[in-house]
Amino acid sequence: MPLITVQTSVPTPDRADTEALLKTLSASLAKHVGKPEAYVMAAFESDIAMTFAGTLDPACYIEIKSVGSFTAAQTTAMSQDFCETISEALGIPGNRIYIEFAEAKGYLWGWNGGTFG
């Protein structure tokens, strides 16, 4: 049920680097939200046309969604962790990364022919 989606304007890294990044994001998200990684999904899209602050310099948008609620401490910790991870992996400065946190009710999240609510 936890999901992290990364969209960025940078060129696609090689497959091994992309897979390593996805595994890092998945494990980190599971830890932050306290849910089994078996339910975590991570997605990565690169080479997306985007501007940030009126420029075409490298930028990134991250969505983090989960069933249940986030605390302010959780979102602060996740923002720091995922900004650092993306900065190191893709060379995008933290001030060019936006993160959106979204909470979902269980009945609005489907899986395996049912929902979580």
Protein backbone atom coordinates (compact mmCIF):
# COMPACT_ATOMS: atom_id res chain seq x y z
CA MET A 1 0.00 0.00 0.00
CA PRO A 2 2.84 2.51 0.45
CA LEU A 3 3.88 3.95 -2.90
CA ILE A 4 6.77 6.18 -3.90
CA THR A 5 6.85 7.59 -7.43
CA VAL A 6 9.85 9.57 -8.67
CA GLN A 7 9.54 11.72 -11.79
CA THR A 8 12.61 13.58 -12.98
CA SER A 9 13.96 15.51 -15.92
CA VAL A 10 17.39 13.85 -15.81
CA PRO A 11 18.34 11.23 -18.39
CA THR A 12 17.66 7.61 -17.49
CA PRO A 13 20.50 6.11 -15.45
CA ASP A 14 21.76 2.67 -16.47
CA ARG A 15 19.54 -0.26 -15.51
CA ALA A 16 21.67 -1.40 -12.54
CA ASP A 17 21.66 2.10 -11.01
CA THR A 18 17.91 2.46 -11.57
CA GLU A 19 17.21 -0.90 -9.93
CA ALA A 20 19.49 -0.07 -6.99
CA LEU A 21 17.69 3.26 -6.51
CA LEU A 22 14.27 1.56 -6.59
CA LYS A 23 15.37 -0.99 -3.99
CA THR A 24 16.75 1.75 -1.74
CA LEU A 25 13.54 3.79 -2.03
CA SER A 26 11.37 0.73 -1.33
CA ALA A 27 13.29 -0.31 1.79
CA SER A 28 13.43 3.26 3.11
CA LEU A 29 9.71 3.85 2.61
CA ALA A 30 8.83 0.61 4.41
CA LYS A 31 11.01 1.66 7.34
CA HIS A 32 9.57 5.17 7.50
CA VAL A 33 5.93 4.09 7.47
CA GLY A 34 6.43 0.95 9.57
CA LYS A 35 4.79 -1.36 7.03
CA PRO A 36 6.13 -4.56 5.44
CA GLU A 37 8.17 -3.98 2.31
CA ALA A 38 6.09 -6.78 0.73
CA TYR A 39 3.36 -4.14 0.22
CA VAL A 40 5.62 -1.26 -0.96
CA MET A 41 5.71 -0.17 -4.61
CA ALA A 42 8.40 2.12 -6.04
CA ALA A 43 8.28 3.63 -9.53
CA PHE A 44 10.81 5.74 -11.44
CA GLU A 45 10.25 7.89 -14.53
CA SER A 46 13.07 9.86 -16.11
CA ASP A 47 13.55 12.12 -19.13
CA ILE A 48 10.31 13.93 -18.31
CA ALA A 49 10.04 17.48 -19.61
CA MET A 50 9.67 19.73 -16.57
CA THR A 51 10.54 23.16 -15.33
CA PHE A 52 11.19 24.30 -11.79
CA ALA A 53 11.58 27.95 -10.81
CA GLY A 54 11.29 28.87 -14.47
CA THR A 55 14.35 26.88 -15.61
CA LEU A 56 14.99 23.56 -17.30
CA ASP A 57 17.80 22.65 -14.88
CA PRO A 58 17.51 19.10 -13.45
CA ALA A 59 14.45 18.76 -11.22
CA CYS A 60 12.43 16.06 -9.50
CA TYR A 61 8.89 15.48 -8.23
CA ILE A 62 8.22 12.69 -5.74
CA GLU A 63 4.83 11.37 -4.62
CA ILE A 64 4.57 9.33 -1.44
CA LYS A 65 1.20 7.74 -0.70
CA SER A 66 0.06 5.33 1.98
CA VAL A 67 -3.05 4.02 3.66
CA GLY A 68 -3.37 5.72 7.04
CA SER A 69 -1.98 8.98 8.29
CA PHE A 70 1.47 10.54 8.42
CA THR A 71 2.81 12.51 11.35
CA ALA A 72 4.75 15.74 10.91
CA ALA A 73 7.84 13.95 12.22
CA GLN A 74 7.45 11.20 9.60
CA THR A 75 7.08 13.59 6.67
CA THR A 76 10.02 15.69 7.86
CA ALA A 77 12.23 12.60 8.16
CA MET A 78 11.08 11.26 4.79
CA SER A 79 11.66 14.60 3.09
CA GLN A 80 15.22 14.73 4.37
CA ASP A 81 15.93 11.07 3.55
CA PHE A 82 14.45 11.02 0.06
CA CYS A 83 15.90 14.41 -0.94
CA GLU A 84 19.36 13.18 0.09
CA THR A 85 18.90 9.86 -1.69
CA ILE A 86 17.77 11.49 -4.95
CA SER A 87 20.47 14.18 -4.75
CA GLU A 88 23.18 11.54 -4.36
CA ALA A 89 21.79 9.16 -6.98
CA LEU A 90 20.81 11.67 -9.67
CA GLY A 91 22.78 14.83 -8.88
CA ILE A 92 19.68 16.96 -8.37
CA PRO A 93 20.02 19.65 -5.69
CA GLY A 94 17.56 19.36 -2.81
CA ASN A 95 16.14 22.79 -3.58
CA ARG A 96 14.94 21.43 -6.95
CA ILE A 97 12.99 18.51 -5.49
CA TYR A 98 9.33 18.65 -4.47
CA ILE A 99 7.71 15.89 -2.45
CA GLU A 100 3.97 15.42 -2.09
CA PHE A 101 2.70 13.25 0.78
CA ALA A 102 -0.80 11.82 0.41
CA GLU A 103 -2.83 9.78 2.88
CA ALA A 104 -5.43 7.33 1.63
CA LYS A 105 -8.37 5.70 3.33
CA GLY A 106 -8.19 1.92 3.15
CA TYR A 107 -11.34 1.58 1.08
CA LEU A 108 -9.82 3.88 -1.56
CA TRP A 109 -6.78 1.62 -2.12
CA GLY A 110 -7.29 -1.60 -4.04
CA TRP A 111 -5.15 -4.72 -4.12
CA ASN A 112 -5.62 -8.35 -5.12
CA GLY A 113 -9.29 -7.92 -5.98
CA GLY A 114 -10.20 -6.13 -2.76
CA THR A 115 -9.34 -3.03 -0.77
CA PHE A 116 -7.53 -2.28 2.47
CA GLY A 117 -10.62 -0.92 4.16
